[in-house]
PDB file of N, CA and C in Angstrom:
ATOM      1  N   UNK A   1      13.628  -3.221  -4.485  1.00  0.00           N
ATOM      2  CA  UNK A   1      12.479  -3.628  -3.657  1.00  0.00           C
ATOM      3  C   UNK A   1      12.830  -3.357  -2.131  1.00  0.00           C
ATOM      4  N   UNK A   2      12.238  -2.092  -1.634  1.00  0.00           N
ATOM      5  CA  UNK A   2      12.411  -2.167  -0.260  1.00  0.00           C
ATOM      6  C   UNK A   2      11.877  -3.359   0.621  1.00  0.00           C
ATOM      7  N   UNK A   3      12.685  -3.364   1.428  1.00  0.00           N
ATOM      8  CA  UNK A   3      12.096  -4.547   2.683  1.00  0.00           C
ATOM      9  C   UNK A   3      11.393  -4.097   3.700  1.00  0.00           C
ATOM     10  N   UNK A   4      11.346  -4.957   4.765  1.00  0.00           N
ATOM     11  CA  UNK A   4      10.337  -4.949   5.413  1.00  0.00           C
ATOM     12  C   UNK A   4      11.346  -3.981   6.419  1.00  0.00           C
ATOM     13  N   UNK A   5      12.842  -4.379   6.986  1.00  0.00           N
ATOM     14  CA  UNK A   5      13.520  -4.333   7.697  1.00  0.00           C
ATOM     15  C   UNK A   5      13.931  -3.148   6.991  1.00  0.00           C
ATOM     16  N   UNK A   6      14.095  -2.363   5.931  1.00  0.00           N
ATOM     17  CA  UNK A   6      13.955  -1.237   5.461  1.00  0.00           C
ATOM     18  C   UNK A   6      13.165  -0.004   5.906  1.00  0.00           C
ATOM     19  N   UNK A   7      11.868  -0.328   6.089  1.00  0.00           N
ATOM     20  CA  UNK A   7      10.539   0.503   6.402  1.00  0.00           C
ATOM     21  C   UNK A   7      10.783   0.634   7.684  1.00  0.00           C
ATOM     22  N   UNK A   8      11.330  -0.069   8.397  1.00  0.00           N
ATOM     23  CA  UNK A   8      11.464  -0.315  10.384  1.00  0.00           C
ATOM     24  C   UNK A   8      12.517   0.562   9.953  1.00  0.00           C
ATOM     25  N   UNK A   9      13.500   0.312   9.815  1.00  0.00           N
ATOM     26  CA  UNK A   9      14.831   1.270   9.935  1.00  0.00           C
ATOM     27  C   UNK A   9      14.560   2.839   9.635  1.00  0.00           C
ATOM     28  N   UNK A  10      13.823   2.999   8.737  1.00  0.00           N
ATOM     29  CA  UNK A  10      13.602   4.784   8.710  1.00  0.00           C
ATOM     30  C   UNK A  10      12.684   4.701   9.710  1.00  0.00           C
ATOM     31  N   UNK A  11      11.541   4.348   9.867  1.00  0.00           N
ATOM     32  CA  UNK A  11      10.567   4.306  10.837  1.00  0.00           C
ATOM     33  C   UNK A  11      11.224   4.777  12.172  1.00  0.00           C
ATOM     34  N   UNK A  12      12.151   4.057  12.894  1.00  0.00           N
ATOM     35  CA  UNK A  12      12.393   4.549  13.709  1.00  0.00           C
ATOM     36  C   UNK A  12      13.236   5.217  14.050  1.00  0.00           C
ATOM     37  N   UNK A  13      13.934   5.879  12.830  1.00  0.00           N
ATOM     38  CA  UNK A  13      14.916   6.463  12.867  1.00  0.00           C
ATOM     39  C   UNK A  13      14.675   8.245  12.747  1.00  0.00           C
ATOM     40  N   UNK A  14      13.110   8.296  11.995  1.00  0.00           N
ATOM     41  CA  UNK A  14      12.351   9.216  11.944  1.00  0.00           C
ATOM     42  C   UNK A  14      12.684   9.902  10.500  1.00  0.00           C
ATOM     43  N   UNK A  15      13.259   9.029   9.747  1.00  0.00           N
ATOM     44  CA  UNK A  15      14.035   9.027   8.374  1.00  0.00           C
ATOM     45  C   UNK A  15      12.784   9.109   7.742  1.00  0.00           C
ATOM     46  N   UNK A  16      12.331  10.162   6.872  1.00  0.00           N
ATOM     47  CA  UNK A  16      11.373   9.932   5.251  1.00  0.00           C
ATOM     48  C   UNK A  16      11.508   9.497   4.076  1.00  0.00           C
ATOM     49  N   UNK A  17      10.822   8.411   3.433  1.00  0.00           N
ATOM     50  CA  UNK A  17      11.289   7.786   2.686  1.00  0.00           C
ATOM     51  C   UNK A  17      10.701   8.278   1.086  1.00  0.00           C
ATOM     52  N   UNK A  18      11.196   8.361   0.318  1.00  0.00           N
ATOM     53  CA  UNK A  18      10.608   8.659  -0.728  1.00  0.00           C
ATOM     54  C   UNK A  18       8.969   8.990  -1.512  1.00  0.00           C
ATOM     55  N   UNK A  19       8.208   9.787  -1.393  1.00  0.00           N
ATOM     56  CA  UNK A  19       7.271   8.764  -2.063  1.00  0.00           C
ATOM     57  C   UNK A  19       6.836   7.936  -3.037  1.00  0.00           C
ATOM     58  N   UNK A  20       5.646   7.216  -2.393  1.00  0.00           N
ATOM     59  CA  UNK A  20       5.271   5.417  -2.891  1.00  0.00           C
ATOM     60  C   UNK A  20       6.579   4.385  -3.098  1.00  0.00           C
ATOM     61  N   UNK A  21       7.462   4.930  -2.096  1.00  0.00           N
ATOM     62  CA  UNK A  21       8.229   4.009  -1.771  1.00  0.00           C
ATOM     63  C   UNK A  21       7.725   2.767  -1.206  1.00  0.00           C
ATOM     64  N   UNK A  22       6.847   2.445  -0.567  1.00  0.00           N
ATOM     65  CA  UNK A  22       6.108   1.041   0.337  1.00  0.00           C
ATOM     66  C   UNK A  22       4.524   1.358  -0.243  1.00  0.00           C
ATOM     67  N   UNK A  23       4.578   1.798  -1.630  1.00  0.00           N
ATOM     68  CA  UNK A  23       3.814   1.458  -2.380  1.00  0.00           C
ATOM     69  C   UNK A  23       2.821   0.182  -2.383  1.00  0.00           C
ATOM     70  N   UNK A  24       1.531  -0.137  -2.194  1.00  0.00           N
ATOM     71  CA  UNK A  24       0.948  -1.608  -2.210  1.00  0.00           C
ATOM     72  C   UNK A  24       1.052  -1.614  -3.747  1.00  0.00           C
ATOM     73  N   UNK A  25       0.785  -2.509  -3.947  1.00  0.00           N
ATOM     74  CA  UNK A  25       0.435  -3.224  -5.388  1.00  0.00           C
ATOM     75  C   UNK A  25      -0.068  -4.370  -5.111  1.00  0.00           C
ATOM     76  N   UNK A  26      -1.518  -4.519  -6.253  1.00  0.00           N
ATOM     77  CA  UNK A  26      -2.144  -5.242  -6.342  1.00  0.00           C
ATOM     78  C   UNK A  26      -1.917  -6.378  -7.533  1.00  0.00           C
ATOM     79  N   UNK A  27      -1.309  -7.530  -7.531  1.00  0.00           N
ATOM     80  CA  UNK A  27      -1.623  -8.188  -8.977  1.00  0.00           C
ATOM     81  C   UNK A  27      -2.939  -8.078  -9.471  1.00  0.00           C
ATOM     82  N   UNK A  28      -3.796  -9.266  -8.635  1.00  0.00           N
ATOM     83  CA  UNK A  28      -5.335  -9.721  -9.399  1.00  0.00           C
ATOM     84  C   UNK A  28      -6.212  -8.578  -8.684  1.00  0.00           C
ATOM     85  N   UNK A  29      -5.739  -7.276  -8.982  1.00  0.00           N
ATOM     86  CA  UNK A  29      -7.263  -6.661  -8.127  1.00  0.00           C
ATOM     87  C   UNK A  29      -8.588  -7.110  -9.555  1.00  0.00           C
ATOM     88  N   UNK A  30      -9.591  -6.782  -8.700  1.00  0.00           N
ATOM     89  CA  UNK A  30     -10.830  -7.167  -9.546  1.00  0.00           C
ATOM     90  C   UNK A  30     -11.016  -5.922 -10.508  1.00  0.00           C
ATOM     91  N   UNK A  31     -11.521  -5.884 -11.281  1.00  0.00           N
ATOM     92  CA  UNK A  31     -12.025  -5.217 -12.323  1.00  0.00           C
ATOM     93  C   UNK A  31     -13.098  -5.260 -12.894  1.00  0.00           C
ATOM     94  N   UNK A  32     -13.971  -3.823 -13.134  1.00  0.00           N
ATOM     95  CA  UNK A  32     -15.213  -4.458 -13.703  1.00  0.00           C
ATOM     96  C   UNK A  32     -16.119  -4.294 -12.801  1.00  0.00           C
ATOM     97  N   UNK A  33     -15.935  -4.602 -11.739  1.00  0.00           N
ATOM     98  CA  UNK A  33     -17.249  -4.797 -10.801  1.00  0.00           C
ATOM     99  C   UNK A  33     -17.693  -3.651 -10.713  1.00  0.00           C
ATOM    100  N   UNK A  34     -19.236  -3.146 -10.636  1.00  0.00           N
ATOM    101  CA  UNK A  34     -19.994  -2.119 -10.669  1.00  0.00           C
ATOM    102  C   UNK A  34     -21.134  -2.731  -9.278  1.00  0.00           C
ATOM    103  N   UNK A  35     -21.059  -2.330  -7.777  1.00  0.00           N
ATOM    104  CA  UNK A  35     -21.849  -2.791  -7.154  1.00  0.00           C
ATOM    105  C   UNK A  35     -22.068  -1.374  -6.596  1.00  0.00           C
ATOM    106  N   UNK A  36     -23.469  -1.411  -6.401  1.00  0.00           N
ATOM    107  CA  UNK A  36     -23.596  -0.037  -5.282  1.00  0.00           C
ATOM    108  C   UNK A  36     -23.261   0.147  -4.180  1.00  0.00           C
ATOM    109  N   UNK A  37     -23.119   0.944  -3.637  1.00  0.00           N
ATOM    110  CA  UNK A  37     -22.275   1.200  -2.267  1.00  0.00           C
ATOM    111  C   UNK A  37     -23.468   1.064  -1.160  1.00  0.00           C
ATOM    112  N   UNK A  38     -24.327   1.486  -1.615  1.00  0.00           N
ATOM    113  CA  UNK A  38     -25.188   0.883   0.067  1.00  0.00           C
ATOM    114  C   UNK A  38     -25.541  -0.423   0.115  1.00  0.00           C
ATOM    115  N   UNK A  39     -24.765  -1.725  -0.892  1.00  0.00           N
ATOM    116  CA  UNK A  39     -25.658  -2.653  -1.070  1.00  0.00           C
ATOM    117  C   UNK A  39     -23.851  -3.372  -0.371  1.00  0.00           C
ATOM    118  N   UNK A  40     -23.308  -2.744  -0.231  1.00  0.00           N
ATOM    119  CA  UNK A  40     -21.326  -2.413   0.484  1.00  0.00           C
ATOM    120  C   UNK A  40     -21.940  -2.651   2.089  1.00  0.00           C
ATOM    121  N   UNK A  41     -22.968  -2.021   2.792  1.00  0.00           N
ATOM    122  CA  UNK A  41     -23.271  -1.793   3.767  1.00  0.00           C
ATOM    123  C   UNK A  41     -24.509  -2.796   4.040  1.00  0.00           C
TER     124      UNK A  41
END
């Protein structure tokens, strides 16, 4: 697991992290929602 400190250190040093290293995961993301885009605005 990557810590916040790892990300800050890499950013400050200009070092690139591997792709998807700090990818967000949403364990309880809603599924099956069908809402028209116009209704969201």
